[in-house]
Amino acid sequence: MGKLMVAAGAAFLLAVGSGGAFAEEMRGKISDIDVEVGAVTLDTGETFFLSEDVDIDALEIGESVTVEFEDGDDGDLIATWIEPAN
């Protein structure tokens, strides 16, 4: 039983500490939309590349939004969803 608990704990730490993709959130106003590249820049200066789940046509410059994002493999910020900020 003790070996099972150690193995389960090690597996958990490996999964959590492996630098896997964990979503974060950021709020701001959209200051630029690049349809050709598929990216949105907020007034905070961060640029997010949009996943296929985000409809770029539904976004407007000046709109206050909340962006859920993950760090991409190459260091880019990948928006997994964007919705109006409350």
PDB file of N, CA and C in Angstrom:
ATOM      1  N   MET A   1       0.829  -1.195   0.000  1.00  0.00           N
ATOM      2  CA  MET A   1       0.000   0.000   0.000  1.00  0.00           C
ATOM      3  C   MET A   1       0.869   1.252   0.000  1.00  0.00           C
ATOM      4  N   GLY A   2       1.965   1.253   0.763  1.00  0.00           N
ATOM      5  CA  GLY A   2       2.851   2.408   0.825  1.00  0.00           C
ATOM      6  C   GLY A   2       3.506   2.703  -0.503  1.00  0.00           C
ATOM      7  N   LYS A   3       3.907   1.644  -1.224  1.00  0.00           N
ATOM      8  CA  LYS A   3       4.527   1.841  -2.538  1.00  0.00           C
ATOM      9  C   LYS A   3       3.535   2.443  -3.523  1.00  0.00           C
ATOM     10  N   LEU A   4       2.267   2.033  -3.414  1.00  0.00           N
ATOM     11  CA  LEU A   4       1.231   2.581  -4.296  1.00  0.00           C
ATOM     12  C   LEU A   4       1.046   4.073  -4.039  1.00  0.00           C
ATOM     13  N   MET A   5       1.045   4.476  -2.769  1.00  0.00           N
ATOM     14  CA  MET A   5       0.882   5.890  -2.436  1.00  0.00           C
ATOM     15  C   MET A   5       2.077   6.710  -2.923  1.00  0.00           C
ATOM     16  N   VAL A   6       3.280   6.164  -2.794  1.00  0.00           N
ATOM     17  CA  VAL A   6       4.469   6.862  -3.271  1.00  0.00           C
ATOM     18  C   VAL A   6       4.414   7.013  -4.783  1.00  0.00           C
ATOM     19  N   ALA A   7       4.020   5.956  -5.481  1.00  0.00           N
ATOM     20  CA  ALA A   7       3.924   6.007  -6.942  1.00  0.00           C
ATOM     21  C   ALA A   7       2.861   7.008  -7.382  1.00  0.00           C
ATOM     22  N   ALA A   8       1.725   7.011  -6.705  1.00  0.00           N
ATOM     23  CA  ALA A   8       0.653   7.958  -7.051  1.00  0.00           C
ATOM     24  C   ALA A   8       1.105   9.395  -6.796  1.00  0.00           C
ATOM     25  N   GLY A   9       1.784   9.603  -5.672  1.00  0.00           N
ATOM     26  CA  GLY A   9       2.284  10.947  -5.367  1.00  0.00           C
ATOM     27  C   GLY A   9       3.322  11.409  -6.366  1.00  0.00           C
ATOM     28  N   ALA A  10       4.208  10.514  -6.769  1.00  0.00           N
ATOM     29  CA  ALA A  10       5.229  10.862  -7.762  1.00  0.00           C
ATOM     30  C   ALA A  10       4.597  11.190  -9.100  1.00  0.00           C
ATOM     31  N   ALA A  11       3.591  10.426  -9.494  1.00  0.00           N
ATOM     32  CA  ALA A  11       2.900  10.689 -10.756  1.00  0.00           C
ATOM     33  C   ALA A  11       2.225  12.054 -10.723  1.00  0.00           C
ATOM     34  N   PHE A  12       1.614  12.396  -9.591  1.00  0.00           N
ATOM     35  CA  PHE A  12       0.961  13.693  -9.452  1.00  0.00           C
ATOM     36  C   PHE A  12       1.974  14.827  -9.559  1.00  0.00           C
ATOM     37  N   LEU A  13       3.086  14.709  -8.849  1.00  0.00           N
ATOM     38  CA  LEU A  13       4.108  15.758  -8.899  1.00  0.00           C
ATOM     39  C   LEU A  13       4.696  15.903 -10.291  1.00  0.00           C
ATOM     40  N   LEU A  14       4.876  14.810 -10.976  1.00  0.00           N
ATOM     41  CA  LEU A  14       5.388  14.859 -12.344  1.00  0.00           C
ATOM     42  C   LEU A  14       4.411  15.585 -13.253  1.00  0.00           C
ATOM     43  N   ALA A  15       3.131  15.286 -13.112  1.00  0.00           N
ATOM     44  CA  ALA A  15       2.111  15.931 -13.952  1.00  0.00           C
ATOM     45  C   ALA A  15       2.011  17.416 -13.652  1.00  0.00           C
ATOM     46  N   VAL A  16       2.054  17.782 -12.378  1.00  0.00           N
ATOM     47  CA  VAL A  16       1.916  19.187 -11.993  1.00  0.00           C
ATOM     48  C   VAL A  16       3.187  19.968 -12.283  1.00  0.00           C
ATOM     49  N   GLY A  17       4.330  19.387 -12.037  1.00  0.00           N
ATOM     50  CA  GLY A  17       5.588  20.103 -12.161  1.00  0.00           C
ATOM     51  C   GLY A  17       6.244  20.004 -13.510  1.00  0.00           C
ATOM     52  N   SER A  18       5.593  19.397 -14.482  1.00  0.00           N
ATOM     53  CA  SER A  18       6.229  19.191 -15.778  1.00  0.00           C
ATOM     54  C   SER A  18       6.138  20.395 -16.691  1.00  0.00           C
ATOM     55  N   GLY A  19       5.528  21.476 -16.217  1.00  0.00           N
ATOM     56  CA  GLY A  19       5.423  22.664 -17.056  1.00  0.00           C
ATOM     57  C   GLY A  19       4.348  22.518 -18.107  1.00  0.00           C
ATOM     58  N   GLY A  20       3.391  21.660 -17.850  1.00  0.00           N
ATOM     59  CA  GLY A  20       2.291  21.470 -18.787  1.00  0.00           C
ATOM     60  C   GLY A  20       1.498  22.749 -18.957  1.00  0.00           C
ATOM     61  N   ALA A  21       0.633  22.744 -19.922  1.00  0.00           N
ATOM     62  CA  ALA A  21      -0.142  23.934 -20.241  1.00  0.00           C
ATOM     63  C   ALA A  21      -1.229  24.160 -19.199  1.00  0.00           C
ATOM     64  N   PHE A  22      -1.109  25.243 -18.456  1.00  0.00           N
ATOM     65  CA  PHE A  22      -2.124  25.638 -17.495  1.00  0.00           C
ATOM     66  C   PHE A  22      -2.670  26.980 -17.949  1.00  0.00           C
ATOM     67  N   ALA A  23      -3.989  27.060 -18.031  1.00  0.00           N
ATOM     68  CA  ALA A  23      -4.616  28.280 -18.519  1.00  0.00           C
ATOM     69  C   ALA A  23      -4.503  29.401 -17.484  1.00  0.00           C
ATOM     70  N   GLU A  24      -4.291  30.593 -17.988  1.00  0.00           N
ATOM     71  CA  GLU A  24      -4.268  31.799 -17.173  1.00  0.00           C
ATOM     72  C   GLU A  24      -5.286  32.757 -17.766  1.00  0.00           C
ATOM     73  N   GLU A  25      -5.622  33.810 -17.031  1.00  0.00           N
ATOM     74  CA  GLU A  25      -6.560  34.812 -17.526  1.00  0.00           C
ATOM     75  C   GLU A  25      -5.945  36.198 -17.449  1.00  0.00           C
ATOM     76  N   MET A  26      -6.360  37.050 -18.377  1.00  0.00           N
ATOM     77  CA  MET A  26      -5.945  38.450 -18.384  1.00  0.00           C
ATOM     78  C   MET A  26      -7.111  39.288 -18.907  1.00  0.00           C
ATOM     79  N   ARG A  27      -7.250  40.474 -18.334  1.00  0.00           N
ATOM     80  CA  ARG A  27      -8.286  41.412 -18.786  1.00  0.00           C
ATOM     81  C   ARG A  27      -7.625  42.614 -19.432  1.00  0.00           C
ATOM     82  N   GLY A  28      -8.315  43.186 -20.391  1.00  0.00           N
ATOM     83  CA  GLY A  28      -7.837  44.395 -21.043  1.00  0.00           C
ATOM     84  C   GLY A  28      -8.763  44.785 -22.168  1.00  0.00           C
ATOM     85  N   LYS A  29      -8.426  45.882 -22.830  1.00  0.00           N
ATOM     86  CA  LYS A  29      -9.184  46.325 -24.005  1.00  0.00           C
ATOM     87  C   LYS A  29      -8.414  45.935 -25.250  1.00  0.00           C
ATOM     88  N   ILE A  30      -9.140  45.495 -26.265  1.00  0.00           N
ATOM     89  CA  ILE A  30      -8.506  45.125 -27.524  1.00  0.00           C
ATOM     90  C   ILE A  30      -8.022  46.401 -28.209  1.00  0.00           C
ATOM     91  N   SER A  31      -6.721  46.468 -28.487  1.00  0.00           N
ATOM     92  CA  SER A  31      -6.163  47.644 -29.154  1.00  0.00           C
ATOM     93  C   SER A  31      -5.824  47.359 -30.616  1.00  0.00           C
ATOM     94  N   ASP A  32      -5.698  46.075 -30.977  1.00  0.00           N
ATOM     95  CA  ASP A  32      -5.396  45.723 -32.365  1.00  0.00           C
ATOM     96  C   ASP A  32      -5.873  44.312 -32.643  1.00  0.00           C
ATOM     97  N   ILE A  33      -6.372  44.104 -33.867  1.00  0.00           N
ATOM     98  CA  ILE A  33      -6.777  42.779 -34.338  1.00  0.00           C
ATOM     99  C   ILE A  33      -6.074  42.545 -35.661  1.00  0.00           C
ATOM    100  N   ASP A  34      -5.279  41.483 -35.751  1.00  0.00           N
ATOM    101  CA  ASP A  34      -4.584  41.117 -36.987  1.00  0.00           C
ATOM    102  C   ASP A  34      -5.240  39.859 -37.533  1.00  0.00           C
ATOM    103  N   VAL A  35      -6.163  40.060 -38.478  1.00  0.00           N
ATOM    104  CA  VAL A  35      -6.929  38.947 -39.033  1.00  0.00           C
ATOM    105  C   VAL A  35      -6.031  37.997 -39.825  1.00  0.00           C
ATOM    106  N   GLU A  36      -5.064  38.530 -40.549  1.00  0.00           N
ATOM    107  CA  GLU A  36      -4.184  37.690 -41.365  1.00  0.00           C
ATOM    108  C   GLU A  36      -3.373  36.722 -40.516  1.00  0.00           C
ATOM    109  N   VAL A  37      -2.867  37.197 -39.388  1.00  0.00           N
ATOM    110  CA  VAL A  37      -2.048  36.372 -38.510  1.00  0.00           C
ATOM    111  C   VAL A  37      -2.917  35.591 -37.528  1.00  0.00           C
ATOM    112  N   GLY A  38      -4.110  36.112 -37.233  1.00  0.00           N
ATOM    113  CA  GLY A  38      -4.978  35.490 -36.240  1.00  0.00           C
ATOM    114  C   GLY A  38      -4.538  35.842 -34.837  1.00  0.00           C
ATOM    115  N   ALA A  39      -4.330  37.156 -34.601  1.00  0.00           N
ATOM    116  CA  ALA A  39      -3.833  37.596 -33.307  1.00  0.00           C
ATOM    117  C   ALA A  39      -4.582  38.838 -32.840  1.00  0.00           C
ATOM    118  N   VAL A  40      -4.618  38.996 -31.525  1.00  0.00           N
ATOM    119  CA  VAL A  40      -5.254  40.139 -30.884  1.00  0.00           C
ATOM    120  C   VAL A  40      -4.256  40.722 -29.888  1.00  0.00           C
ATOM    121  N   THR A  41      -4.153  42.062 -29.879  1.00  0.00           N
ATOM    122  CA  THR A  41      -3.292  42.741 -28.905  1.00  0.00           C
ATOM    123  C   THR A  41      -4.175  43.541 -27.961  1.00  0.00           C
ATOM    124  N   LEU A  42      -3.870  43.438 -26.673  1.00  0.00           N
ATOM    125  CA  LEU A  42      -4.603  44.206 -25.667  1.00  0.00           C
ATOM    126  C   LEU A  42      -3.866  45.499 -25.351  1.00  0.00           C
ATOM    127  N   ASP A  43      -4.562  46.416 -24.688  1.00  0.00           N
ATOM    128  CA  ASP A  43      -3.954  47.682 -24.288  1.00  0.00           C
ATOM    129  C   ASP A  43      -2.857  47.485 -23.242  1.00  0.00           C
ATOM    130  N   THR A  44      -2.728  46.296 -22.704  1.00  0.00           N
ATOM    131  CA  THR A  44      -1.659  45.967 -21.763  1.00  0.00           C
ATOM    132  C   THR A  44      -0.350  45.669 -22.489  1.00  0.00           C
ATOM    133  N   GLY A  45      -0.425  45.518 -23.831  1.00  0.00           N
ATOM    134  CA  GLY A  45       0.756  45.249 -24.640  1.00  0.00           C
ATOM    135  C   GLY A  45       0.928  43.798 -25.040  1.00  0.00           C
ATOM    136  N   GLU A  46       0.205  42.883 -24.405  1.00  0.00           N
ATOM    137  CA  GLU A  46       0.330  41.467 -24.742  1.00  0.00           C
ATOM    138  C   GLU A  46      -0.411  41.149 -26.031  1.00  0.00           C
ATOM    139  N   THR A  47       0.212  40.326 -26.859  1.00  0.00           N
ATOM    140  CA  THR A  47      -0.409  39.847 -28.086  1.00  0.00           C
ATOM    141  C   THR A  47      -0.713  38.369 -27.924  1.00  0.00           C
ATOM    142  N   PHE A  48      -1.925  37.992 -28.264  1.00  0.00           N
ATOM    143  CA  PHE A  48      -2.383  36.616 -28.153  1.00  0.00           C
ATOM    144  C   PHE A  48      -2.697  36.069 -29.540  1.00  0.00           C
ATOM    145  N   PHE A  49      -2.146  34.908 -29.837  1.00  0.00           N
ATOM    146  CA  PHE A  49      -2.501  34.216 -31.061  1.00  0.00           C
ATOM    147  C   PHE A  49      -3.719  33.361 -30.752  1.00  0.00           C
ATOM    148  N   LEU A  50      -4.698  33.370 -31.650  1.00  0.00           N
ATOM    149  CA  LEU A  50      -5.989  32.757 -31.363  1.00  0.00           C
ATOM    150  C   LEU A  50      -6.031  31.295 -31.753  1.00  0.00           C
ATOM    151  N   SER A  51      -6.559  30.473 -30.841  1.00  0.00           N
ATOM    152  CA  SER A  51      -6.787  29.071 -31.169  1.00  0.00           C
ATOM    153  C   SER A  51      -7.981  28.997 -32.123  1.00  0.00           C
ATOM    154  N   GLU A  52      -8.201  27.830 -32.678  1.00  0.00           N
ATOM    155  CA  GLU A  52      -9.314  27.654 -33.618  1.00  0.00           C
ATOM    156  C   GLU A  52     -10.667  27.866 -32.961  1.00  0.00           C
ATOM    157  N   ASP A  53     -10.730  27.781 -31.629  1.00  0.00           N
ATOM    158  CA  ASP A  53     -11.995  27.932 -30.903  1.00  0.00           C
ATOM    159  C   ASP A  53     -12.443  29.378 -30.760  1.00  0.00           C
ATOM    160  N   VAL A  54     -11.559  30.341 -31.057  1.00  0.00           N
ATOM    161  CA  VAL A  54     -11.886  31.757 -30.883  1.00  0.00           C
ATOM    162  C   VAL A  54     -12.304  32.351 -32.229  1.00  0.00           C
ATOM    163  N   ASP A  55     -13.483  32.977 -32.251  1.00  0.00           N
ATOM    164  CA  ASP A  55     -14.018  33.593 -33.468  1.00  0.00           C
ATOM    165  C   ASP A  55     -13.510  35.032 -33.561  1.00  0.00           C
ATOM    166  N   ILE A  56     -12.513  35.249 -34.410  1.00  0.00           N
ATOM    167  CA  ILE A  56     -11.906  36.576 -34.544  1.00  0.00           C
ATOM    168  C   ILE A  56     -12.902  37.605 -35.065  1.00  0.00           C
ATOM    169  N   ASP A  57     -13.880  37.166 -35.842  1.00  0.00           N
ATOM    170  CA  ASP A  57     -14.875  38.088 -36.405  1.00  0.00           C
ATOM    171  C   ASP A  57     -15.815  38.646 -35.343  1.00  0.00           C
ATOM    172  N   ALA A  58     -15.887  38.023 -34.180  1.00  0.00           N
ATOM    173  CA  ALA A  58     -16.767  38.484 -33.115  1.00  0.00           C
ATOM    174  C   ALA A  58     -16.099  39.522 -32.217  1.00  0.00           C
ATOM    175  N   LEU A  59     -14.821  39.808 -32.470  1.00  0.00           N
ATOM    176  CA  LEU A  59     -14.061  40.726 -31.619  1.00  0.00           C
ATOM    177  C   LEU A  59     -14.025  42.121 -32.231  1.00  0.00           C
ATOM    178  N   GLU A  60     -13.974  43.153 -31.365  1.00  0.00           N
ATOM    179  CA  GLU A  60     -13.936  44.536 -31.820  1.00  0.00           C
ATOM    180  C   GLU A  60     -12.850  45.314 -31.082  1.00  0.00           C
ATOM    181  N   ILE A  61     -12.164  46.178 -31.808  1.00  0.00           N
ATOM    182  CA  ILE A  61     -11.180  47.064 -31.185  1.00  0.00           C
ATOM    183  C   ILE A  61     -11.904  47.963 -30.185  1.00  0.00           C
ATOM    184  N   GLY A  62     -11.314  48.129 -28.995  1.00  0.00           N
ATOM    185  CA  GLY A  62     -11.909  48.932 -27.932  1.00  0.00           C
ATOM    186  C   GLY A  62     -12.766  48.129 -26.972  1.00  0.00           C
ATOM    187  N   GLU A  63     -13.057  46.887 -27.309  1.00  0.00           N
ATOM    188  CA  GLU A  63     -13.878  46.029 -26.463  1.00  0.00           C
ATOM    189  C   GLU A  63     -13.073  45.561 -25.243  1.00  0.00           C
ATOM    190  N   SER A  64     -13.668  45.652 -24.051  1.00  0.00           N
ATOM    191  CA  SER A  64     -13.052  45.120 -22.841  1.00  0.00           C
ATOM    192  C   SER A  64     -13.327  43.627 -22.788  1.00  0.00           C
ATOM    193  N   VAL A  65     -12.266  42.839 -22.633  1.00  0.00           N
ATOM    194  CA  VAL A  65     -12.404  41.388 -22.690  1.00  0.00           C
ATOM    195  C   VAL A  65     -11.603  40.704 -21.585  1.00  0.00           C
ATOM    196  N   THR A  66     -11.959  39.473 -21.345  1.00  0.00           N
ATOM    197  CA  THR A  66     -11.165  38.552 -20.540  1.00  0.00           C
ATOM    198  C   THR A  66     -10.655  37.481 -21.490  1.00  0.00           C
ATOM    199  N   VAL A  67      -9.345  37.264 -21.449  1.00  0.00           N
ATOM    200  CA  VAL A  67      -8.708  36.282 -22.322  1.00  0.00           C
ATOM    201  C   VAL A  67      -8.192  35.141 -21.460  1.00  0.00           C
ATOM    202  N   GLU A  68      -8.587  33.924 -21.810  1.00  0.00           N
ATOM    203  CA  GLU A  68      -7.980  32.751 -21.185  1.00  0.00           C
ATOM    204  C   GLU A  68      -6.914  32.274 -22.148  1.00  0.00           C
ATOM    205  N   PHE A  69      -5.702  32.048 -21.636  1.00  0.00           N
ATOM    206  CA  PHE A  69      -4.596  31.714 -22.534  1.00  0.00           C
ATOM    207  C   PHE A  69      -3.646  30.715 -21.915  1.00  0.00           C
ATOM    208  N   GLU A  70      -2.836  30.139 -22.772  1.00  0.00           N
ATOM    209  CA  GLU A  70      -1.781  29.206 -22.375  1.00  0.00           C
ATOM    210  C   GLU A  70      -0.494  29.649 -23.047  1.00  0.00           C
ATOM    211  N   ASP A  71       0.624  29.273 -22.461  1.00  0.00           N
ATOM    212  CA  ASP A  71       1.922  29.527 -23.090  1.00  0.00           C
ATOM    213  C   ASP A  71       2.139  28.489 -24.175  1.00  0.00           C
ATOM    214  N   GLY A  72       2.438  28.951 -25.383  1.00  0.00           N
ATOM    215  CA  GLY A  72       2.739  28.044 -26.477  1.00  0.00           C
ATOM    216  C   GLY A  72       4.152  27.493 -26.346  1.00  0.00           C
ATOM    217  N   ASP A  73       4.451  26.462 -27.105  1.00  0.00           N
ATOM    218  CA  ASP A  73       5.771  25.832 -27.053  1.00  0.00           C
ATOM    219  C   ASP A  73       6.889  26.799 -27.418  1.00  0.00           C
ATOM    220  N   ASP A  74       6.593  27.773 -28.285  1.00  0.00           N
ATOM    221  CA  ASP A  74       7.616  28.712 -28.732  1.00  0.00           C
ATOM    222  C   ASP A  74       7.598  30.027 -27.949  1.00  0.00           C
ATOM    223  N   GLY A  75       6.850  30.053 -26.835  1.00  0.00           N
ATOM    224  CA  GLY A  75       6.793  31.250 -26.002  1.00  0.00           C
ATOM    225  C   GLY A  75       5.654  32.187 -26.333  1.00  0.00           C
ATOM    226  N   ASP A  76       4.924  31.928 -27.425  1.00  0.00           N
ATOM    227  CA  ASP A  76       3.771  32.754 -27.769  1.00  0.00           C
ATOM    228  C   ASP A  76       2.645  32.510 -26.769  1.00  0.00           C
ATOM    229  N   LEU A  77       1.774  33.504 -26.617  1.00  0.00           N
ATOM    230  CA  LEU A  77       0.584  33.369 -25.792  1.00  0.00           C
ATOM    231  C   LEU A  77      -0.557  32.933 -26.700  1.00  0.00           C
ATOM    232  N   ILE A  78      -1.198  31.819 -26.367  1.00  0.00           N
ATOM    233  CA  ILE A  78      -2.273  31.260 -27.178  1.00  0.00           C
ATOM    234  C   ILE A  78      -3.603  31.451 -26.461  1.00  0.00           C
ATOM    235  N   ALA A  79      -4.501  32.258 -27.053  1.00  0.00           N
ATOM    236  CA  ALA A  79      -5.821  32.490 -26.472  1.00  0.00           C
ATOM    237  C   ALA A  79      -6.709  31.291 -26.767  1.00  0.00           C
ATOM    238  N   THR A  80      -7.230  30.679 -25.705  1.00  0.00           N
ATOM    239  CA  THR A  80      -8.129  29.540 -25.872  1.00  0.00           C
ATOM    240  C   THR A  80      -9.583  29.975 -25.872  1.00  0.00           C
ATOM    241  N   TRP A  81      -9.891  31.128 -25.267  1.00  0.00           N
ATOM    242  CA  TRP A  81     -11.198  31.778 -25.407  1.00  0.00           C
ATOM    243  C   TRP A  81     -11.086  33.231 -25.009  1.00  0.00           C
ATOM    244  N   ILE A  82     -11.967  34.011 -25.589  1.00  0.00           N
ATOM    245  CA  ILE A  82     -12.061  35.440 -25.284  1.00  0.00           C
ATOM    246  C   ILE A  82     -13.529  35.784 -25.155  1.00  0.00           C
ATOM    247  N   GLU A  83     -13.868  36.473 -24.071  1.00  0.00           N
ATOM    248  CA  GLU A  83     -15.257  36.901 -23.910  1.00  0.00           C
ATOM    249  C   GLU A  83     -15.293  38.291 -23.271  1.00  0.00           C
ATOM    250  N   PRO A  84     -16.418  38.992 -23.416  1.00  0.00           N
ATOM    251  CA  PRO A  84     -16.522  40.327 -22.832  1.00  0.00           C
ATOM    252  C   PRO A  84     -16.249  40.293 -21.338  1.00  0.00           C
ATOM    253  N   ALA A  85     -15.502  41.290 -20.845  1.00  0.00           N
ATOM    254  CA  ALA A  85     -15.200  41.386 -19.416  1.00  0.00           C
ATOM    255  C   ALA A  85     -16.438  41.855 -18.671  1.00  0.00           C
ATOM    256  N   ASN A  86     -16.612  41.351 -17.481  1.00  0.00           N
ATOM    257  CA  ASN A  86     -17.749  41.768 -16.658  1.00  0.00           C
ATOM    258  C   ASN A  86     -17.396  42.950 -15.819  1.00  0.00           C
TER     259      ASN A  86
END
